[in-house]
Amino acid sequence: MYLYIDTMDAVLVDYEPDGRVRLDEEDWSTPSLQERRAILHAAQSEIERLQDLVLALDPEG
């Protein structure tokens, strides 16, 4: 997974079910509340963009 987080100017490359994340060229860490909010915002925005792409490519699907 690669998720660009604009407000952190970072790329999330992996995550664990326990909430730890790994950013590009960094070790595993537990994000702060502010970092979690930034990651969630970036993920939600990406979901919306992907939904738009699906609708554009398969409007009847």
PDB file of N, CA and C in Angstrom:
ATOM      1  N   MET A   1       0.842  -1.174   0.000  1.00  0.00           N
ATOM      2  CA  MET A   1       0.000   0.000   0.000  1.00  0.00           C
ATOM      3  C   MET A   1       0.888   1.238   0.000  1.00  0.00           C
ATOM      4  N   TYR A   2       0.486   2.213  -0.776  1.00  0.00           N
ATOM      5  CA  TYR A   2       1.158   3.501  -0.775  1.00  0.00           C
ATOM      6  C   TYR A   2       0.081   4.564  -0.687  1.00  0.00           C
ATOM      7  N   LEU A   3       0.110   5.337   0.384  1.00  0.00           N
ATOM      8  CA  LEU A   3      -0.867   6.403   0.582  1.00  0.00           C
ATOM      9  C   LEU A   3      -0.107   7.678   0.904  1.00  0.00           C
ATOM     10  N   TYR A   4      -0.207   8.657  -0.003  1.00  0.00           N
ATOM     11  CA  TYR A   4       0.451   9.938   0.242  1.00  0.00           C
ATOM     12  C   TYR A   4      -0.390  10.751   1.207  1.00  0.00           C
ATOM     13  N   ILE A   5       0.241  11.238   2.253  1.00  0.00           N
ATOM     14  CA  ILE A   5      -0.425  12.040   3.273  1.00  0.00           C
ATOM     15  C   ILE A   5       0.112  13.456   3.134  1.00  0.00           C
ATOM     16  N   ASP A   6      -0.668  14.276   2.455  1.00  0.00           N
ATOM     17  CA  ASP A   6      -0.251  15.624   2.097  1.00  0.00           C
ATOM     18  C   ASP A   6       0.163  16.453   3.307  1.00  0.00           C
ATOM     19  N   THR A   7      -0.649  16.447   4.350  1.00  0.00           N
ATOM     20  CA  THR A   7      -0.371  17.310   5.501  1.00  0.00           C
ATOM     21  C   THR A   7       0.891  16.904   6.256  1.00  0.00           C
ATOM     22  N   MET A   8       1.309  15.652   6.084  1.00  0.00           N
ATOM     23  CA  MET A   8       2.536  15.174   6.737  1.00  0.00           C
ATOM     24  C   MET A   8       3.702  15.120   5.749  1.00  0.00           C
ATOM     25  N   ASP A   9       3.410  15.341   4.464  1.00  0.00           N
ATOM     26  CA  ASP A   9       4.393  15.186   3.399  1.00  0.00           C
ATOM     27  C   ASP A   9       5.125  13.851   3.565  1.00  0.00           C
ATOM     28  N   ALA A  10       4.306  12.789   3.687  1.00  0.00           N
ATOM     29  CA  ALA A  10       4.842  11.452   3.931  1.00  0.00           C
ATOM     30  C   ALA A  10       4.015  10.435   3.160  1.00  0.00           C
ATOM     31  N   VAL A  11       4.611   9.260   2.978  1.00  0.00           N
ATOM     32  CA  VAL A  11       3.919   8.163   2.305  1.00  0.00           C
ATOM     33  C   VAL A  11       3.818   6.991   3.265  1.00  0.00           C
ATOM     34  N   LEU A  12       2.594   6.571   3.520  1.00  0.00           N
ATOM     35  CA  LEU A  12       2.373   5.385   4.331  1.00  0.00           C
ATOM     36  C   LEU A  12       2.581   4.179   3.419  1.00  0.00           C
ATOM     37  N   VAL A  13       3.436   3.255   3.849  1.00  0.00           N
ATOM     38  CA  VAL A  13       3.732   2.098   3.008  1.00  0.00           C
ATOM     39  C   VAL A  13       3.211   0.785   3.594  1.00  0.00           C
ATOM     40  N   ASP A  14       2.867   0.770   4.873  1.00  0.00           N
ATOM     41  CA  ASP A  14       2.354  -0.451   5.478  1.00  0.00           C
ATOM     42  C   ASP A  14       1.700  -0.107   6.810  1.00  0.00           C
ATOM     43  N   TYR A  15       0.879  -1.019   7.292  1.00  0.00           N
ATOM     44  CA  TYR A  15       0.233  -0.829   8.589  1.00  0.00           C
ATOM     45  C   TYR A  15      -0.028  -2.194   9.213  1.00  0.00           C
ATOM     46  N   GLU A  16      -0.246  -2.205  10.498  1.00  0.00           N
ATOM     47  CA  GLU A  16      -0.567  -3.418  11.240  1.00  0.00           C
ATOM     48  C   GLU A  16      -1.951  -3.253  11.871  1.00  0.00           C
ATOM     49  N   PRO A  17      -2.669  -4.343  12.091  1.00  0.00           N
ATOM     50  CA  PRO A  17      -3.992  -4.259  12.716  1.00  0.00           C
ATOM     51  C   PRO A  17      -3.976  -3.592  14.100  1.00  0.00           C
ATOM     52  N   ASP A  18      -2.826  -3.583  14.764  1.00  0.00           N
ATOM     53  CA  ASP A  18      -2.748  -2.957  16.089  1.00  0.00           C
ATOM     54  C   ASP A  18      -2.619  -1.432  16.021  1.00  0.00           C
ATOM     55  N   GLY A  19      -2.613  -0.877  14.802  1.00  0.00           N
ATOM     56  CA  GLY A  19      -2.576   0.579  14.639  1.00  0.00           C
ATOM     57  C   GLY A  19      -1.211   1.154  14.325  1.00  0.00           C
ATOM     58  N   ARG A  20      -0.179   0.326  14.362  1.00  0.00           N
ATOM     59  CA  ARG A  20       1.152   0.833  13.994  1.00  0.00           C
ATOM     60  C   ARG A  20       1.219   1.027  12.485  1.00  0.00           C
ATOM     61  N   VAL A  21       2.009   2.006  12.081  1.00  0.00           N
ATOM     62  CA  VAL A  21       2.188   2.303  10.657  1.00  0.00           C
ATOM     63  C   VAL A  21       3.678   2.383  10.337  1.00  0.00           C
ATOM     64  N   ARG A  22       3.970   2.194   9.061  1.00  0.00           N
ATOM     65  CA  ARG A  22       5.344   2.378   8.603  1.00  0.00           C
ATOM     66  C   ARG A  22       5.298   3.375   7.467  1.00  0.00           C
ATOM     67  N   LEU A  23       5.984   4.486   7.659  1.00  0.00           N
ATOM     68  CA  LEU A  23       6.096   5.501   6.627  1.00  0.00           C
ATOM     69  C   LEU A  23       7.343   5.211   5.801  1.00  0.00           C
ATOM     70  N   ASP A  24       7.355   5.693   4.572  1.00  0.00           N
ATOM     71  CA  ASP A  24       8.472   5.467   3.667  1.00  0.00           C
ATOM     72  C   ASP A  24       9.795   5.863   4.316  1.00  0.00           C
ATOM     73  N   GLU A  25      10.728   4.945   4.317  1.00  0.00           N
ATOM     74  CA  GLU A  25      12.077   5.130   4.852  1.00  0.00           C
ATOM     75  C   GLU A  25      12.108   5.409   6.357  1.00  0.00           C
ATOM     76  N   GLU A  26      11.078   4.935   7.077  1.00  0.00           N
ATOM     77  CA  GLU A  26      11.036   5.065   8.532  1.00  0.00           C
ATOM     78  C   GLU A  26      10.699   3.712   9.147  1.00  0.00           C
ATOM     79  N   ASP A  27      10.914   3.585  10.441  1.00  0.00           N
ATOM     80  CA  ASP A  27      10.583   2.364  11.162  1.00  0.00           C
ATOM     81  C   ASP A  27       9.112   2.378  11.555  1.00  0.00           C
ATOM     82  N   TRP A  28       8.651   1.242  12.049  1.00  0.00           N
ATOM     83  CA  TRP A  28       7.287   1.141  12.551  1.00  0.00           C
ATOM     84  C   TRP A  28       7.090   2.099  13.716  1.00  0.00           C
ATOM     85  N   SER A  29       5.904   2.722  13.769  1.00  0.00           N
ATOM     86  CA  SER A  29       5.596   3.620  14.878  1.00  0.00           C
ATOM     87  C   SER A  29       4.090   3.663  15.097  1.00  0.00           C
ATOM     88  N   THR A  30       3.709   4.111  16.276  1.00  0.00           N
ATOM     89  CA  THR A  30       2.300   4.348  16.576  1.00  0.00           C
ATOM     90  C   THR A  30       2.044   5.835  16.361  1.00  0.00           C
ATOM     91  N   PRO A  31       1.168   6.168  15.416  1.00  0.00           N
ATOM     92  CA  PRO A  31       0.952   7.582  15.119  1.00  0.00           C
ATOM     93  C   PRO A  31       0.261   8.325  16.261  1.00  0.00           C
ATOM     94  N   SER A  32       0.602   9.588  16.393  1.00  0.00           N
ATOM     95  CA  SER A  32      -0.066  10.450  17.368  1.00  0.00           C
ATOM     96  C   SER A  32      -1.512  10.682  16.909  1.00  0.00           C
ATOM     97  N   LEU A  33      -2.310  11.285  17.755  1.00  0.00           N
ATOM     98  CA  LEU A  33      -3.699  11.591  17.401  1.00  0.00           C
ATOM     99  C   LEU A  33      -3.746  12.447  16.135  1.00  0.00           C
ATOM    100  N   GLN A  34      -2.910  13.459  16.065  1.00  0.00           N
ATOM    101  CA  GLN A  34      -2.880  14.344  14.898  1.00  0.00           C
ATOM    102  C   GLN A  34      -2.456  13.573  13.647  1.00  0.00           C
ATOM    103  N   GLU A  35      -1.482  12.695  13.776  1.00  0.00           N
ATOM    104  CA  GLU A  35      -1.042  11.891  12.635  1.00  0.00           C
ATOM    105  C   GLU A  35      -2.134  10.915  12.201  1.00  0.00           C
ATOM    106  N   ARG A  36      -2.828  10.312  13.161  1.00  0.00           N
ATOM    107  CA  ARG A  36      -3.932   9.402  12.817  1.00  0.00           C
ATOM    108  C   ARG A  36      -5.009  10.143  12.050  1.00  0.00           C
ATOM    109  N   ARG A  37      -5.331  11.334  12.497  1.00  0.00           N
ATOM    110  CA  ARG A  37      -6.346  12.129  11.793  1.00  0.00           C
ATOM    111  C   ARG A  37      -5.901  12.463  10.374  1.00  0.00           C
ATOM    112  N   ALA A  38      -4.633  12.800  10.193  1.00  0.00           N
ATOM    113  CA  ALA A  38      -4.108  13.110   8.854  1.00  0.00           C
ATOM    114  C   ALA A  38      -4.162  11.875   7.964  1.00  0.00           C
ATOM    115  N   ILE A  39      -3.800  10.721   8.512  1.00  0.00           N
ATOM    116  CA  ILE A  39      -3.827   9.471   7.743  1.00  0.00           C
ATOM    117  C   ILE A  39      -5.263   9.129   7.359  1.00  0.00           C
ATOM    118  N   LEU A  40      -6.183   9.231   8.304  1.00  0.00           N
ATOM    119  CA  LEU A  40      -7.583   8.933   8.016  1.00  0.00           C
ATOM    120  C   LEU A  40      -8.161   9.876   6.965  1.00  0.00           C
ATOM    121  N   HIS A  41      -7.817  11.152   7.043  1.00  0.00           N
ATOM    122  CA  HIS A  41      -8.290  12.124   6.052  1.00  0.00           C
ATOM    123  C   HIS A  41      -7.747  11.777   4.665  1.00  0.00           C
ATOM    124  N   ALA A  42      -6.469  11.455   4.585  1.00  0.00           N
ATOM    125  CA  ALA A  42      -5.872  11.093   3.295  1.00  0.00           C
ATOM    126  C   ALA A  42      -6.515   9.822   2.748  1.00  0.00           C
ATOM    127  N   ALA A  43      -6.765   8.843   3.606  1.00  0.00           N
ATOM    128  CA  ALA A  43      -7.374   7.592   3.166  1.00  0.00           C
ATOM    129  C   ALA A  43      -8.795   7.829   2.656  1.00  0.00           C
ATOM    130  N   GLN A  44      -9.570   8.625   3.385  1.00  0.00           N
ATOM    131  CA  GLN A  44     -10.944   8.908   2.959  1.00  0.00           C
ATOM    132  C   GLN A  44     -10.956   9.642   1.623  1.00  0.00           C
ATOM    133  N   SER A  45     -10.061  10.590   1.451  1.00  0.00           N
ATOM    134  CA  SER A  45      -9.970  11.318   0.180  1.00  0.00           C
ATOM    135  C   SER A  45      -9.615  10.374  -0.964  1.00  0.00           C
ATOM    136  N   GLU A  46      -8.709   9.439  -0.705  1.00  0.00           N
ATOM    137  CA  GLU A  46      -8.308   8.474  -1.731  1.00  0.00           C
ATOM    138  C   GLU A  46      -9.462   7.540  -2.077  1.00  0.00           C
ATOM    139  N   ILE A  47     -10.229   7.116  -1.087  1.00  0.00           N
ATOM    140  CA  ILE A  47     -11.409   6.289  -1.338  1.00  0.00           C
ATOM    141  C   ILE A  47     -12.375   7.009  -2.264  1.00  0.00           C
ATOM    142  N   GLU A  48     -12.624   8.283  -2.002  1.00  0.00           N
ATOM    143  CA  GLU A  48     -13.535   9.059  -2.842  1.00  0.00           C
ATOM    144  C   GLU A  48     -13.010   9.167  -4.269  1.00  0.00           C
ATOM    145  N   ARG A  49     -11.713   9.401  -4.434  1.00  0.00           N
ATOM    146  CA  ARG A  49     -11.128   9.486  -5.778  1.00  0.00           C
ATOM    147  C   ARG A  49     -11.235   8.149  -6.503  1.00  0.00           C
ATOM    148  N   LEU A  50     -11.011   7.052  -5.784  1.00  0.00           N
ATOM    149  CA  LEU A  50     -11.122   5.728  -6.399  1.00  0.00           C
ATOM    150  C   LEU A  50     -12.567   5.410  -6.780  1.00  0.00           C
ATOM    151  N   GLN A  51     -13.522   5.829  -5.961  1.00  0.00           N
ATOM    152  CA  GLN A  51     -14.929   5.628  -6.313  1.00  0.00           C
ATOM    153  C   GLN A  51     -15.274   6.400  -7.585  1.00  0.00           C
ATOM    154  N   ASP A  52     -14.773   7.616  -7.704  1.00  0.00           N
ATOM    155  CA  ASP A  52     -14.990   8.406  -8.921  1.00  0.00           C
ATOM    156  C   ASP A  52     -14.387   7.705 -10.135  1.00  0.00           C
ATOM    157  N   LEU A  53     -13.209   7.127  -9.977  1.00  0.00           N
ATOM    158  CA  LEU A  53     -12.565   6.404 -11.066  1.00  0.00           C
ATOM    159  C   LEU A  53     -13.402   5.198 -11.489  1.00  0.00           C
ATOM    160  N   VAL A  54     -13.889   4.432 -10.528  1.00  0.00           N
ATOM    161  CA  VAL A  54     -14.727   3.275 -10.834  1.00  0.00           C
ATOM    162  C   VAL A  54     -15.966   3.703 -11.591  1.00  0.00           C
ATOM    163  N   LEU A  55     -16.616   4.765 -11.151  1.00  0.00           N
ATOM    164  CA  LEU A  55     -17.812   5.251 -11.840  1.00  0.00           C
ATOM    165  C   LEU A  55     -17.490   5.731 -13.247  1.00  0.00           C
ATOM    166  N   ALA A  56     -16.354   6.362 -13.437  1.00  0.00           N
ATOM    167  CA  ALA A  56     -15.979   6.858 -14.760  1.00  0.00           C
ATOM    168  C   ALA A  56     -15.698   5.695 -15.717  1.00  0.00           C
ATOM    169  N   LEU A  57     -15.081   4.641 -15.212  1.00  0.00           N
ATOM    170  CA  LEU A  57     -14.708   3.519 -16.058  1.00  0.00           C
ATOM    171  C   LEU A  57     -15.834   2.507 -16.237  1.00  0.00           C
ATOM    172  N   ASP A  58     -16.726   2.427 -15.272  1.00  0.00           N
ATOM    173  CA  ASP A  58     -17.823   1.455 -15.323  1.00  0.00           C
ATOM    174  C   ASP A  58     -19.094   2.091 -14.775  1.00  0.00           C
ATOM    175  N   PRO A  59     -19.666   3.019 -15.527  1.00  0.00           N
ATOM    176  CA  PRO A  59     -20.828   3.778 -15.018  1.00  0.00           C
ATOM    177  C   PRO A  59     -22.050   2.919 -14.705  1.00  0.00           C
ATOM    178  N   GLU A  60     -22.158   1.739 -15.297  1.00  0.00           N
ATOM    179  CA  GLU A  60     -23.319   0.886 -15.047  1.00  0.00           C
ATOM    180  C   GLU A  60     -23.047  -0.160 -13.971  1.00  0.00           C
ATOM    181  N   GLY A  61     -21.786  -0.269 -13.545  1.00  0.00           N
ATOM    182  CA  GLY A  61     -21.400  -1.313 -12.594  1.00  0.00           C
ATOM    183  C   GLY A  61     -21.660  -0.916 -11.216  1.00  0.00           C
TER     184      GLY A  61
END
